[in-house]
PDB file of all heavy atoms in Angstrom:
ATOM      1  N   ASP A   1     116.178  86.443  73.517  1.00  0.00           N
ATOM      2  CA  ASP A   1     116.013  84.975  73.380  1.00  0.00           C
ATOM      3  C   ASP A   1     117.128  84.285  72.663  1.00  0.00           C
ATOM      4  O   ASP A   1     117.731  83.315  72.990  1.00  0.00           O
ATOM      5  CB  ASP A   1     114.635  84.574  72.734  1.00  0.00           C
ATOM      6  CG  ASP A   1     114.362  85.210  71.410  1.00  0.00           C
ATOM      7  OD1 ASP A   1     115.047  86.242  71.110  1.00  0.00           O
ATOM      8  OD2 ASP A   1     113.609  84.693  70.667  1.00  0.00           O
ATOM      9  N   TRP A   2     117.552  84.872  71.475  1.00  0.00           N
ATOM     10  CA  TRP A   2     118.576  84.414  70.714  1.00  0.00           C
ATOM     11  C   TRP A   2     119.892  84.400  71.430  1.00  0.00           C
ATOM     12  O   TRP A   2     120.729  83.450  71.465  1.00  0.00           O
ATOM     13  CB  TRP A   2     118.752  85.322  69.416  1.00  0.00           C
ATOM     14  CG  TRP A   2     119.784  84.795  68.424  1.00  0.00           C
ATOM     15  CD1 TRP A   2     120.465  83.725  68.363  1.00  0.00           C
ATOM     16  CD2 TRP A   2     120.165  85.562  67.264  1.00  0.00           C
ATOM     17  NE1 TRP A   2     121.252  83.606  67.308  1.00  0.00           N
ATOM     18  CE2 TRP A   2     120.993  84.698  66.465  1.00  0.00           C
ATOM     19  CE3 TRP A   2     119.781  86.715  66.716  1.00  0.00           C
ATOM     20  CZ2 TRP A   2     121.605  85.158  65.348  1.00  0.00           C
ATOM     21  CZ3 TRP A   2     120.302  87.238  65.480  1.00  0.00           C
ATOM     22  CH2 TRP A   2     121.248  86.432  64.847  1.00  0.00           C
ATOM     23  N   GLU A   3     120.089  85.442  72.310  1.00  0.00           N
ATOM     24  CA  GLU A   3     121.238  85.600  73.097  1.00  0.00           C
ATOM     25  C   GLU A   3     121.233  84.374  74.265  1.00  0.00           C
ATOM     26  O   GLU A   3     122.279  83.856  74.563  1.00  0.00           O
ATOM     27  CB  GLU A   3     121.293  86.880  73.778  1.00  0.00           C
ATOM     28  CG  GLU A   3     122.562  87.030  74.659  1.00  0.00           C
ATOM     29  CD  GLU A   3     122.604  88.438  75.394  1.00  0.00           C
ATOM     30  OE1 GLU A   3     121.572  88.900  75.878  1.00  0.00           O
ATOM     31  OE2 GLU A   3     123.710  89.036  75.348  1.00  0.00           O
ATOM     32  N   GLU A   4     120.077  84.068  74.709  1.00  0.00           N
ATOM     33  CA  GLU A   4     119.976  82.980  75.818  1.00  0.00           C
ATOM     34  C   GLU A   4     120.233  81.638  75.173  1.00  0.00           C
ATOM     35  O   GLU A   4     120.967  80.855  75.635  1.00  0.00           O
ATOM     36  CB  GLU A   4     118.584  82.921  76.498  1.00  0.00           C
ATOM     37  CG  GLU A   4     118.454  81.876  77.501  1.00  0.00           C
ATOM     38  CD  GLU A   4     119.522  82.013  78.588  1.00  0.00           C
ATOM     39  OE1 GLU A   4     119.992  83.169  78.955  1.00  0.00           O
ATOM     40  OE2 GLU A   4     119.880  81.014  79.155  1.00  0.00           O
ATOM     41  N   TRP A   5     119.772  81.475  73.920  1.00  0.00           N
ATOM     42  CA  TRP A   5     120.110  80.225  73.283  1.00  0.00           C
ATOM     43  C   TRP A   5     121.559  79.980  73.012  1.00  0.00           C
ATOM     44  O   TRP A   5     122.060  78.884  73.158  1.00  0.00           O
ATOM     45  CB  TRP A   5     119.247  80.017  71.906  1.00  0.00           C
ATOM     46  CG  TRP A   5     117.808  80.479  71.807  1.00  0.00           C
ATOM     47  CD1 TRP A   5     117.217  80.918  70.806  1.00  0.00           C
ATOM     48  CD2 TRP A   5     116.856  80.273  72.877  1.00  0.00           C
ATOM     49  NE1 TRP A   5     115.905  81.209  71.125  1.00  0.00           N
ATOM     50  CE2 TRP A   5     115.542  80.834  72.390  1.00  0.00           C
ATOM     51  CE3 TRP A   5     116.881  79.877  74.315  1.00  0.00           C
ATOM     52  CZ2 TRP A   5     114.363  80.871  73.061  1.00  0.00           C
ATOM     53  CZ3 TRP A   5     115.660  79.962  74.876  1.00  0.00           C
ATOM     54  CH2 TRP A   5     114.482  80.446  74.301  1.00  0.00           C
ATOM     55  N   GLU A   6     122.130  81.147  72.673  1.00  0.00           N
ATOM     56  CA  GLU A   6     123.607  81.167  72.357  1.00  0.00           C
ATOM     57  C   GLU A   6     124.406  80.625  73.552  1.00  0.00           C
ATOM     58  O   GLU A   6     125.374  79.824  73.536  1.00  0.00           O
ATOM     59  CB  GLU A   6     124.088  82.369  71.879  1.00  0.00           C
ATOM     60  CG  GLU A   6     125.483  82.486  71.410  1.00  0.00           C
ATOM     61  CD  GLU A   6     126.583  82.607  72.510  1.00  0.00           C
ATOM     62  OE1 GLU A   6     126.201  83.244  73.531  1.00  0.00           O
ATOM     63  OE2 GLU A   6     127.750  82.192  72.331  1.00  0.00           O
ATOM     64  N   LYS A   7     123.966  81.184  74.787  1.00  0.00           N
ATOM     65  CA  LYS A   7     124.567  80.755  76.068  1.00  0.00           C
ATOM     66  C   LYS A   7     124.364  79.242  76.398  1.00  0.00           C
ATOM     67  O   LYS A   7     125.283  78.534  76.658  1.00  0.00           O
ATOM     68  CB  LYS A   7     124.040  81.687  77.158  1.00  0.00           C
ATOM     69  CG  LYS A   7     124.362  83.039  77.152  1.00  0.00           C
ATOM     70  CD  LYS A   7     123.734  83.832  78.260  1.00  0.00           C
ATOM     71  CE  LYS A   7     123.890  85.243  78.197  1.00  0.00           C
ATOM     72  NZ  LYS A   7     123.201  86.039  79.171  1.00  0.00           N
ATOM     73  N   LEU A   8     123.185  78.852  76.123  1.00  0.00           N
ATOM     74  CA  LEU A   8     122.714  77.508  76.415  1.00  0.00           C
ATOM     75  C   LEU A   8     123.402  76.556  75.457  1.00  0.00           C
ATOM     76  O   LEU A   8     123.719  75.361  75.839  1.00  0.00           O
ATOM     77  CB  LEU A   8     121.309  77.265  76.464  1.00  0.00           C
ATOM     78  CG  LEU A   8     120.480  78.068  77.627  1.00  0.00           C
ATOM     79  CD1 LEU A   8     119.007  77.712  77.416  1.00  0.00           C
ATOM     80  CD2 LEU A   8     120.939  77.616  78.874  1.00  0.00           C
ATOM     81  N   SER A   9     123.733  76.981  74.192  1.00  0.00           N
ATOM     82  CA  SER A   9     124.364  76.087  73.217  1.00  0.00           C
ATOM     83  C   SER A   9     125.700  75.596  73.724  1.00  0.00           C
ATOM     84  O   SER A   9     126.216  74.674  73.278  1.00  0.00           O
ATOM     85  CB  SER A   9     124.375  76.790  71.959  1.00  0.00           C
ATOM     86  OG  SER A   9     125.347  77.786  71.902  1.00  0.00           O
ATOM     87  N   ARG A  10     126.330  76.375  74.624  1.00  0.00           N
ATOM     88  CA  ARG A  10     127.650  75.920  75.151  1.00  0.00           C
ATOM     89  C   ARG A  10     127.481  75.015  76.276  1.00  0.00           C
ATOM     90  O   ARG A  10     128.582  74.361  76.685  1.00  0.00           O
ATOM     91  CB  ARG A  10     128.399  77.124  75.647  1.00  0.00           C
ATOM     92  CG  ARG A  10     128.535  78.344  74.549  1.00  0.00           C
ATOM     93  CD  ARG A  10     129.129  79.523  75.201  1.00  0.00           C
ATOM     94  NE  ARG A  10     129.205  80.651  74.296  1.00  0.00           N
ATOM     95  CZ  ARG A  10     130.235  80.961  73.639  1.00  0.00           C
ATOM     96  NH1 ARG A  10     131.328  80.127  73.611  1.00  0.00           N
ATOM     97  NH2 ARG A  10     130.327  81.926  72.738  1.00  0.00           N
ATOM     98  N   GLU A  11     126.385  74.707  76.855  1.00  0.00           N
ATOM     99  CA  GLU A  11     126.099  73.886  78.041  1.00  0.00           C
ATOM    100  C   GLU A  11     125.793  72.485  77.652  1.00  0.00           C
ATOM    101  O   GLU A  11     125.404  72.143  76.459  1.00  0.00           O
ATOM    102  CB  GLU A  11     124.987  74.356  78.836  1.00  0.00           C
ATOM    103  CG  GLU A  11     125.150  75.891  79.353  1.00  0.00           C
ATOM    104  CD  GLU A  11     126.283  75.982  80.276  1.00  0.00           C
ATOM    105  OE1 GLU A  11     126.538  75.121  80.975  1.00  0.00           O
ATOM    106  OE2 GLU A  11     127.010  77.090  80.348  1.00  0.00           O
ATOM    107  N   LYS A  12     126.183  71.528  78.514  1.00  0.00           N
ATOM    108  CA  LYS A  12     125.828  70.165  78.325  1.00  0.00           C
ATOM    109  C   LYS A  12     124.303  69.974  78.223  1.00  0.00           C
ATOM    110  O   LYS A  12     123.655  70.429  79.230  1.00  0.00           O
ATOM    111  CB  LYS A  12     126.475  69.323  79.436  1.00  0.00           C
ATOM    112  CG  LYS A  12     126.069  67.797  79.326  1.00  0.00           C
ATOM    113  CD  LYS A  12     126.621  67.024  80.549  1.00  0.00           C
ATOM    114  CE  LYS A  12     126.017  65.529  80.530  1.00  0.00           C
ATOM    115  NZ  LYS A  12     126.653  64.886  81.749  1.00  0.00           N
ATOM    116  N   GLY A  13     123.779  69.386  77.319  1.00  0.00           N
ATOM    117  CA  GLY A  13     122.403  69.031  77.285  1.00  0.00           C
ATOM    118  C   GLY A  13     121.784  69.238  75.890  1.00  0.00           C
ATOM    119  O   GLY A  13     122.433  69.702  74.980  1.00  0.00           O
ATOM    120  N   GLU A  14     120.522  68.885  75.806  1.00  0.00           N
ATOM    121  CA  GLU A  14     119.820  68.871  74.449  1.00  0.00           C
ATOM    122  C   GLU A  14     118.929  69.996  74.313  1.00  0.00           C
ATOM    123  O   GLU A  14     118.296  70.462  75.087  1.00  0.00           O
ATOM    124  CB  GLU A  14     119.081  67.467  74.370  1.00  0.00           C
ATOM    125  CG  GLU A  14     119.934  66.301  74.385  1.00  0.00           C
ATOM    126  CD  GLU A  14     119.348  65.169  75.203  1.00  0.00           C
ATOM    127  OE1 GLU A  14     119.340  65.314  76.466  1.00  0.00           O
ATOM    128  OE2 GLU A  14     119.021  64.210  74.683  1.00  0.00           O
ATOM    129  N   PHE A  15     118.917  70.372  72.944  1.00  0.00           N
ATOM    130  CA  PHE A  15     117.807  71.382  72.412  1.00  0.00           C
ATOM    131  C   PHE A  15     116.870  70.313  71.701  1.00  0.00           C
ATOM    132  O   PHE A  15     117.042  69.862  70.581  1.00  0.00           O
ATOM    133  CB  PHE A  15     118.331  72.190  71.397  1.00  0.00           C
ATOM    134  CG  PHE A  15     119.195  73.458  71.889  1.00  0.00           C
ATOM    135  CD1 PHE A  15     119.418  73.561  73.300  1.00  0.00           C
ATOM    136  CD2 PHE A  15     119.506  74.492  71.107  1.00  0.00           C
ATOM    137  CE1 PHE A  15     120.207  74.717  73.775  1.00  0.00           C
ATOM    138  CE2 PHE A  15     120.157  75.569  71.570  1.00  0.00           C
ATOM    139  CZ  PHE A  15     120.516  75.759  72.873  1.00  0.00           C
ATOM    140  N   VAL A  16     115.839  70.012  72.467  1.00  0.00           N
ATOM    141  CA  VAL A  16     114.729  69.048  72.032  1.00  0.00           C
ATOM    142  C   VAL A  16     113.860  69.667  71.011  1.00  0.00           C
ATOM    143  O   VAL A  16     113.122  70.550  71.334  1.00  0.00           O
ATOM    144  CB  VAL A  16     113.984  68.371  73.225  1.00  0.00           C
ATOM    145  CG1 VAL A  16     113.047  67.366  72.656  1.00  0.00           C
ATOM    146  CG2 VAL A  16     114.969  67.775  74.079  1.00  0.00           C
ATOM    147  N   TYR A  17     114.035  69.254  69.667  1.00  0.00           N
ATOM    148  CA  TYR A  17     113.232  69.968  68.684  1.00  0.00           C
ATOM    149  C   TYR A  17     112.158  68.956  68.148  1.00  0.00           C
ATOM    150  O   TYR A  17     112.364  67.866  67.738  1.00  0.00           O
ATOM    151  CB  TYR A  17     114.211  70.274  67.536  1.00  0.00           C
ATOM    152  CG  TYR A  17     113.553  70.764  66.244  1.00  0.00           C
ATOM    153  CD1 TYR A  17     112.571  71.681  66.171  1.00  0.00           C
ATOM    154  CD2 TYR A  17     114.027  70.253  65.034  1.00  0.00           C
ATOM    155  CE1 TYR A  17     111.975  72.102  65.056  1.00  0.00           C
ATOM    156  CE2 TYR A  17     113.513  70.687  63.790  1.00  0.00           C
ATOM    157  CZ  TYR A  17     112.445  71.596  63.806  1.00  0.00           C
ATOM    158  OH  TYR A  17     111.847  72.007  62.669  1.00  0.00           O
ATOM    159  N   SER A  18     110.992  69.544  68.021  1.00  0.00           N
ATOM    160  CA  SER A  18     109.739  68.848  67.388  1.00  0.00           C
ATOM    161  C   SER A  18     109.486  69.503  66.166  1.00  0.00           C
ATOM    162  O   SER A  18     109.280  70.607  65.959  1.00  0.00           O
ATOM    163  CB  SER A  18     108.574  68.953  68.300  1.00  0.00           C
ATOM    164  OG  SER A  18     107.397  68.436  67.623  1.00  0.00           O
ATOM    165  N   THR A  19     109.478  68.560  65.073  1.00  0.00           N
ATOM    166  CA  THR A  19     109.172  69.143  63.637  1.00  0.00           C
ATOM    167  C   THR A  19     107.717  69.240  63.443  1.00  0.00           C
ATOM    168  O   THR A  19     107.344  69.688  62.364  1.00  0.00           O
ATOM    169  CB  THR A  19     109.731  68.018  62.642  1.00  0.00           C
ATOM    170  OG1 THR A  19     109.116  66.712  62.890  1.00  0.00           O
ATOM    171  CG2 THR A  19     111.315  68.036  62.769  1.00  0.00           C
ATOM    172  N   GLU A  20     106.900  68.953  64.461  1.00  0.00           N
ATOM    173  CA  GLU A  20     105.495  69.152  64.346  1.00  0.00           C
ATOM    174  C   GLU A  20     105.042  70.594  64.606  1.00  0.00           C
ATOM    175  O   GLU A  20     105.697  71.250  65.548  1.00  0.00           O
ATOM    176  CB  GLU A  20     104.704  68.201  65.405  1.00  0.00           C
ATOM    177  CG  GLU A  20     104.925  66.664  65.166  1.00  0.00           C
ATOM    178  CD  GLU A  20     104.459  66.193  63.846  1.00  0.00           C
ATOM    179  OE1 GLU A  20     103.380  66.712  63.426  1.00  0.00           O
ATOM    180  OE2 GLU A  20     105.090  65.426  63.328  1.00  0.00           O
ATOM    181  N   ALA A  21     104.057  71.123  63.812  1.00  0.00           N
ATOM    182  CA  ALA A  21     103.782  72.524  64.126  1.00  0.00           C
ATOM    183  C   ALA A  21     102.823  72.542  65.249  1.00  0.00           C
ATOM    184  O   ALA A  21     101.682  72.395  65.207  1.00  0.00           O
ATOM    185  CB  ALA A  21     103.087  73.080  62.850  1.00  0.00           C
ATOM    186  N   MET A  22     103.365  72.899  66.468  1.00  0.00           N
ATOM    187  CA  MET A  22     102.649  72.875  67.655  1.00  0.00           C
ATOM    188  C   MET A  22     102.180  74.292  68.180  1.00  0.00           C
ATOM    189  O   MET A  22     101.575  74.379  69.166  1.00  0.00           O
ATOM    190  CB  MET A  22     103.505  72.139  68.807  1.00  0.00           C
ATOM    191  CG  MET A  22     103.666  70.779  68.612  1.00  0.00           C
ATOM    192  SD  MET A  22     102.012  69.875  68.771  1.00  0.00           S
ATOM    193  CE  MET A  22     102.352  68.374  67.971  1.00  0.00           C
ATOM    194  N   THR A  23     102.568  75.307  67.396  1.00  0.00           N
ATOM    195  CA  THR A  23     101.984  76.594  67.743  1.00  0.00           C
ATOM    196  C   THR A  23     101.693  77.358  66.562  1.00  0.00           C
ATOM    197  O   THR A  23     102.080  77.052  65.398  1.00  0.00           O
ATOM    198  CB  THR A  23     103.079  77.539  68.605  1.00  0.00           C
ATOM    199  OG1 THR A  23     104.278  77.708  67.775  1.00  0.00           O
ATOM    200  CG2 THR A  23     103.483  76.708  69.829  1.00  0.00           C
ATOM    201  N   PHE A  24     100.894  78.387  66.793  1.00  0.00           N
ATOM    202  CA  PHE A  24     100.510  79.341  65.613  1.00  0.00           C
ATOM    203  C   PHE A  24     100.886  80.745  66.084  1.00  0.00           C
ATOM    204  O   PHE A  24     100.460  81.276  66.967  1.00  0.00           O
ATOM    205  CB  PHE A  24      99.051  79.362  65.503  1.00  0.00           C
ATOM    206  CG  PHE A  24      98.572  77.933  65.105  1.00  0.00           C
ATOM    207  CD1 PHE A  24      98.268  77.074  66.066  1.00  0.00           C
ATOM    208  CD2 PHE A  24      98.330  77.474  63.811  1.00  0.00           C
ATOM    209  CE1 PHE A  24      97.687  75.789  65.851  1.00  0.00           C
ATOM    210  CE2 PHE A  24      97.832  76.301  63.559  1.00  0.00           C
ATOM    211  CZ  PHE A  24      97.532  75.451  64.472  1.00  0.00           C
ATOM    212  N   HIS A  25     101.926  81.328  65.369  1.00  0.00           N
ATOM    213  CA  HIS A  25     102.481  82.583  65.695  1.00  0.00           C
ATOM    214  C   HIS A  25     101.793  83.722  64.867  1.00  0.00           C
ATOM    215  O   HIS A  25     101.736  83.705  63.666  1.00  0.00           O
ATOM    216  CB  HIS A  25     103.992  82.624  65.336  1.00  0.00           C
ATOM    217  CG  HIS A  25     104.665  83.893  65.676  1.00  0.00           C
ATOM    218  ND1 HIS A  25     104.614  84.504  66.896  1.00  0.00           N
ATOM    219  CD2 HIS A  25     105.429  84.745  64.834  1.00  0.00           C
ATOM    220  CE1 HIS A  25     105.321  85.643  66.816  1.00  0.00           C
ATOM    221  NE2 HIS A  25     105.821  85.836  65.541  1.00  0.00           N
ATOM    222  N   ARG A  26     101.208  84.735  65.621  1.00  0.00           N
ATOM    223  CA  ARG A  26     100.571  85.717  64.940  1.00  0.00           C
ATOM    224  C   ARG A  26     101.473  86.777  64.549  1.00  0.00           C
ATOM    225  O   ARG A  26     102.232  87.454  65.285  1.00  0.00           O
ATOM    226  CB  ARG A  26      99.497  86.288  65.985  1.00  0.00           C
ATOM    227  CG  ARG A  26      98.402  87.238  65.255  1.00  0.00           C
ATOM    228  CD  ARG A  26      97.327  87.659  66.242  1.00  0.00           C
ATOM    229  NE  ARG A  26      96.808  86.638  66.934  1.00  0.00           N
ATOM    230  CZ  ARG A  26      95.818  85.886  66.538  1.00  0.00           C
ATOM    231  NH1 ARG A  26      95.277  86.147  65.426  1.00  0.00           N
ATOM    232  NH2 ARG A  26      95.261  84.927  67.391  1.00  0.00           N
ATOM    233  N   VAL A  27     101.471  87.267  63.221  1.00  0.00           N
ATOM    234  CA  VAL A  27     102.187  88.185  62.574  1.00  0.00           C
ATOM    235  C   VAL A  27     101.291  89.395  62.488  1.00  0.00           C
ATOM    236  O   VAL A  27     100.384  89.266  61.675  1.00  0.00           O
ATOM    237  CB  VAL A  27     102.816  87.839  61.300  1.00  0.00           C
ATOM    238  CG1 VAL A  27     103.683  89.007  60.757  1.00  0.00           C
ATOM    239  CG2 VAL A  27     103.828  86.634  61.411  1.00  0.00           C
ATOM    240  N   HIS A  28     101.448  90.508  63.198  1.00  0.00           N
ATOM    241  CA  HIS A  28     100.568  91.678  63.041  1.00  0.00           C
ATOM    242  C   HIS A  28     101.294  92.928  63.433  1.00  0.00           C
ATOM    243  O   HIS A  28     102.539  92.818  63.927  1.00  0.00           O
ATOM    244  CB  HIS A  28      99.405  91.495  64.004  1.00  0.00           C
ATOM    245  CG  HIS A  28      99.637  91.409  65.385  1.00  0.00           C
ATOM    246  ND1 HIS A  28      99.563  92.567  66.282  1.00  0.00           N
ATOM    247  CD2 HIS A  28     100.135  90.457  66.245  1.00  0.00           C
ATOM    248  CE1 HIS A  28      99.933  92.284  67.555  1.00  0.00           C
ATOM    249  NE2 HIS A  28     100.280  91.037  67.512  1.00  0.00           N
ATOM    250  N   GLU A  29     100.753  94.028  63.036  1.00  0.00           N
ATOM    251  CA  GLU A  29     101.432  95.346  63.151  1.00  0.00           C
ATOM    252  C   GLU A  29     101.758  95.741  64.633  1.00  0.00           C
ATOM    253  O   GLU A  29     102.749  96.447  64.836  1.00  0.00           O
ATOM    254  CB  GLU A  29     100.666  96.481  62.556  1.00  0.00           C
ATOM    255  CG  GLU A  29     100.352  96.403  61.047  1.00  0.00           C
ATOM    256  CD  GLU A  29     101.751  96.455  60.255  1.00  0.00           C
ATOM    257  OE1 GLU A  29     102.649  97.127  60.910  1.00  0.00           O
ATOM    258  OE2 GLU A  29     101.898  96.204  59.096  1.00  0.00           O
ATOM    259  N   GLY A  30     101.090  95.221  65.583  1.00  0.00           N
ATOM    260  CA  GLY A  30     101.302  95.620  66.935  1.00  0.00           C
ATOM    261  C   GLY A  30     102.161  94.713  67.713  1.00  0.00           C
ATOM    262  O   GLY A  30     102.586  94.999  68.869  1.00  0.00           O
ATOM    263  N   SER A  31     102.761  93.685  67.070  1.00  0.00           N
ATOM    264  CA  SER A  31     103.618  92.709  67.692  1.00  0.00           C
ATOM    265  C   SER A  31     105.032  93.461  68.020  1.00  0.00           C
ATOM    266  O   SER A  31     105.467  94.359  67.363  1.00  0.00           O
ATOM    267  CB  SER A  31     103.954  91.517  66.889  1.00  0.00           C
ATOM    268  OG  SER A  31     104.706  91.745  65.805  1.00  0.00           O
ATOM    269  N   GLU A  32     105.663  92.957  69.078  1.00  0.00           N
ATOM    270  CA  GLU A  32     107.042  93.511  69.499  1.00  0.00           C
ATOM    271  C   GLU A  32     108.001  93.344  68.372  1.00  0.00           C
ATOM    272  O   GLU A  32     108.737  94.109  68.096  1.00  0.00           O
ATOM    273  CB  GLU A  32     107.402  92.854  70.741  1.00  0.00           C
ATOM    274  CG  GLU A  32     108.777  93.486  71.274  1.00  0.00           C
ATOM    275  CD  GLU A  32     108.661  94.966  71.715  1.00  0.00           C
ATOM    276  OE1 GLU A  32     107.475  95.365  71.900  1.00  0.00           O
ATOM    277  OE2 GLU A  32     109.586  95.629  71.887  1.00  0.00           O
ATOM    278  N   THR A  33     107.892  92.198  67.662  1.00  0.00           N
ATOM    279  CA  THR A  33     108.844  91.908  66.598  1.00  0.00           C
ATOM    280  C   THR A  33     108.650  93.037  65.464  1.00  0.00           C
ATOM    281  O   THR A  33     109.599  93.491  64.919  1.00  0.00           O
ATOM    282  CB  THR A  33     108.533  90.529  65.798  1.00  0.00           C
ATOM    283  OG1 THR A  33     108.801  89.551  66.882  1.00  0.00           O
ATOM    284  CG2 THR A  33     109.649  90.322  64.782  1.00  0.00           C
ATOM    285  N   SER A  34     107.486  93.215  65.078  1.00  0.00           N
ATOM    286  CA  SER A  34     107.234  94.220  64.013  1.00  0.00           C
ATOM    287  C   SER A  34     107.573  95.617  64.449  1.00  0.00           C
ATOM    288  O   SER A  34     108.191  96.373  63.675  1.00  0.00           O
ATOM    289  CB  SER A  34     105.647  94.249  63.797  1.00  0.00           C
ATOM    290  OG  SER A  34     105.190  93.045  63.099  1.00  0.00           O
ATOM    291  N   ASN A  35     107.428  95.906  65.807  1.00  0.00           N
ATOM    292  CA  ASN A  35     107.981  97.207  66.316  1.00  0.00           C
ATOM    293  C   ASN A  35     109.419  97.479  66.241  1.00  0.00           C
ATOM    294  O   ASN A  35     109.807  98.430  65.758  1.00  0.00           O
ATOM    295  CB  ASN A  35     107.467  97.405  67.789  1.00  0.00           C
ATOM    296  CG  ASN A  35     105.927  97.637  67.868  1.00  0.00           C
ATOM    297  OD1 ASN A  35     105.217  98.030  66.926  1.00  0.00           O
ATOM    298  ND2 ASN A  35     105.340  97.248  69.002  1.00  0.00           N
ATOM    299  N   THR A  36     110.062  96.378  66.683  1.00  0.00           N
ATOM    300  CA  THR A  36     111.559  96.503  66.624  1.00  0.00           C
ATOM    301  C   THR A  36     112.095  96.552  65.302  1.00  0.00           C
ATOM    302  O   THR A  36     113.144  97.059  64.957  1.00  0.00           O
ATOM    303  CB  THR A  36     112.230  95.426  67.464  1.00  0.00           C
ATOM    304  OG1 THR A  36     111.837  94.206  66.974  1.00  0.00           O
ATOM    305  CG2 THR A  36     111.875  95.590  68.900  1.00  0.00           C
TER     306      THR A  36
END
């Protein structure tokens, strides 16, 4: 995902960012992030 954002950052267009907390990210031992 980071690699894709880096590619898109070079393209014309907006990264539309909402400062509102619109999601809840679960941090747990079985997540792919924890595994890597």
